């Protein structure tokens, strides 16, 4: 895996209090997709997008931030 850590990959200042949260969320999301694909190799990009637009979006935007810690299961 080639990770671009050159200065040109940096887009500027980041808020330290939220950058760690963003990175953790991004990393966890990729791990969840990998787990879903292992469990269901026939899972398509369209099915994942449907989850993002539907159940995932509802979970992210419409539920209280102090509850519902685990996201809905990916199909």
C-alpha atoms as a PDB file:
ATOM      1  CA  UNK A   1       0.000   0.000   0.000  1.00  0.00           C
ATOM      2  CA  UNK A   2       1.390   3.386  -0.977  1.00  0.00           C
ATOM      3  CA  UNK A   3       0.403   6.189   1.393  1.00  0.00           C
ATOM      4  CA  UNK A   4       1.179   9.700   0.207  1.00  0.00           C
ATOM      5  CA  UNK A   5       2.603  11.519   3.209  1.00  0.00           C
ATOM      6  CA  UNK A   6       4.370  14.203   1.170  1.00  0.00           C
ATOM      7  CA  UNK A   7       3.831  17.864   2.045  1.00  0.00           C
ATOM      8  CA  UNK A   8       1.699  18.208  -1.096  1.00  0.00           C
ATOM      9  CA  UNK A   9      -0.858  15.778   0.370  1.00  0.00           C
ATOM     10  CA  UNK A  10      -1.517  18.193   3.263  1.00  0.00           C
ATOM     11  CA  UNK A  11      -4.409  20.594   2.707  1.00  0.00           C
ATOM     12  CA  UNK A  12      -3.511  22.907   5.568  1.00  0.00           C
ATOM     13  CA  UNK A  13      -4.342  23.493   9.193  1.00  0.00           C
ATOM     14  CA  UNK A  14      -6.607  21.019  10.973  1.00  0.00           C
ATOM     15  CA  UNK A  15      -8.491  21.398  14.215  1.00  0.00           C
ATOM     16  CA  UNK A  16      -6.715  18.949  16.515  1.00  0.00           C
ATOM     17  CA  UNK A  17      -9.839  18.365  18.619  1.00  0.00           C
ATOM     18  CA  UNK A  18     -11.836  17.086  15.635  1.00  0.00           C
ATOM     19  CA  UNK A  19      -9.158  15.672  13.319  1.00  0.00           C
ATOM     20  CA  UNK A  20      -8.610  12.604  15.499  1.00  0.00           C
ATOM     21  CA  UNK A  21     -12.346  11.937  15.555  1.00  0.00           C
ATOM     22  CA  UNK A  22     -12.513  12.299  11.772  1.00  0.00           C
ATOM     23  CA  UNK A  23      -9.588   9.908  11.248  1.00  0.00           C
ATOM     24  CA  UNK A  24     -11.055   7.340  13.636  1.00  0.00           C
ATOM     25  CA  UNK A  25     -14.414   7.510  11.866  1.00  0.00           C
ATOM     26  CA  UNK A  26     -12.854   7.204   8.422  1.00  0.00           C
ATOM     27  CA  UNK A  27     -10.706   4.252   9.509  1.00  0.00           C
ATOM     28  CA  UNK A  28     -13.653   2.521  11.194  1.00  0.00           C
ATOM     29  CA  UNK A  29     -15.825   3.013   8.106  1.00  0.00           C
ATOM     30  CA  UNK A  30     -13.319   1.287   5.830  1.00  0.00           C
ATOM     31  CA  UNK A  31     -12.969  -1.552   8.342  1.00  0.00           C
ATOM     32  CA  UNK A  32     -16.763  -1.981   8.434  1.00  0.00           C
ATOM     33  CA  UNK A  33     -16.975  -2.104   4.635  1.00  0.00           C
ATOM     34  CA  UNK A  34     -14.227  -4.726   4.529  1.00  0.00           C
ATOM     35  CA  UNK A  35     -16.111  -6.802   7.124  1.00  0.00           C
ATOM     36  CA  UNK A  36     -19.367  -6.474   5.167  1.00  0.00           C
ATOM     37  CA  UNK A  37     -17.651  -7.562   1.951  1.00  0.00           C
ATOM     38  CA  UNK A  38     -16.118 -10.611   3.663  1.00  0.00           C
ATOM     39  CA  UNK A  39     -19.534 -11.592   5.052  1.00  0.00           C
ATOM     40  CA  UNK A  40     -21.266 -11.060   1.704  1.00  0.00           C
ATOM     41  CA  UNK A  41     -18.873 -11.154  -1.283  1.00  0.00           C
ATOM     42  CA  UNK A  42     -21.799 -10.421  -3.614  1.00  0.00           C
ATOM     43  CA  UNK A  43     -22.380  -7.038  -1.958  1.00  0.00           C
ATOM     44  CA  UNK A  44     -22.261  -4.362  -4.635  1.00  0.00           C
ATOM     45  CA  UNK A  45     -21.237  -0.728  -4.650  1.00  0.00           C
ATOM     46  CA  UNK A  46     -24.891   0.126  -5.391  1.00  0.00           C
ATOM     47  CA  UNK A  47     -26.017  -1.735  -2.270  1.00  0.00           C
ATOM     48  CA  UNK A  48     -23.414   0.090  -0.187  1.00  0.00           C
ATOM     49  CA  UNK A  49     -24.506   3.421  -1.658  1.00  0.00           C
ATOM     50  CA  UNK A  50     -28.117   2.578  -0.843  1.00  0.00           C
ATOM     51  CA  UNK A  51     -27.103   2.010   2.790  1.00  0.00           C
ATOM     52  CA  UNK A  52     -25.150   5.288   2.844  1.00  0.00           C
ATOM     53  CA  UNK A  53     -28.127   7.225   1.441  1.00  0.00           C
ATOM     54  CA  UNK A  54     -30.710   5.414   3.576  1.00  0.00           C
ATOM     55  CA  UNK A  55     -30.036   3.794   6.950  1.00  0.00           C
ATOM     56  CA  UNK A  56     -26.545   5.258   7.295  1.00  0.00           C
ATOM     57  CA  UNK A  57     -27.735   8.794   6.643  1.00  0.00           C
ATOM     58  CA  UNK A  58     -30.676   8.412   9.040  1.00  0.00           C
ATOM     59  CA  UNK A  59     -28.302   7.158  11.744  1.00  0.00           C
ATOM     60  CA  UNK A  60     -25.827   9.969  11.174  1.00  0.00           C
ATOM     61  CA  UNK A  61     -28.237  12.897  10.889  1.00  0.00           C
ATOM     62  CA  UNK A  62     -31.498  12.047  12.651  1.00  0.00           C
ATOM     63  CA  UNK A  63     -30.606  10.219  15.859  1.00  0.00           C
ATOM     64  CA  UNK A  64     -29.376  11.861  19.069  1.00  0.00           C
ATOM     65  CA  UNK A  65     -25.595  12.074  19.321  1.00  0.00           C
ATOM     66  CA  UNK A  66     -25.607  10.584  22.830  1.00  0.00           C
ATOM     67  CA  UNK A  67     -27.386   7.366  21.757  1.00  0.00           C
ATOM     68  CA  UNK A  68     -27.289   4.825  18.937  1.00  0.00           C
ATOM     69  CA  UNK A  69     -23.511   4.504  18.993  1.00  0.00           C
ATOM     70  CA  UNK A  70     -23.414   1.480  16.687  1.00  0.00           C
ATOM     71  CA  UNK A  71     -24.451   2.140  13.089  1.00  0.00           C
ATOM     72  CA  UNK A  72     -27.161   0.072  11.408  1.00  0.00           C
ATOM     73  CA  UNK A  73     -25.943  -3.167   9.861  1.00  0.00           C
ATOM     74  CA  UNK A  74     -24.774  -2.999   6.259  1.00  0.00           C
ATOM     75  CA  UNK A  75     -26.871  -5.395   4.121  1.00  0.00           C
END
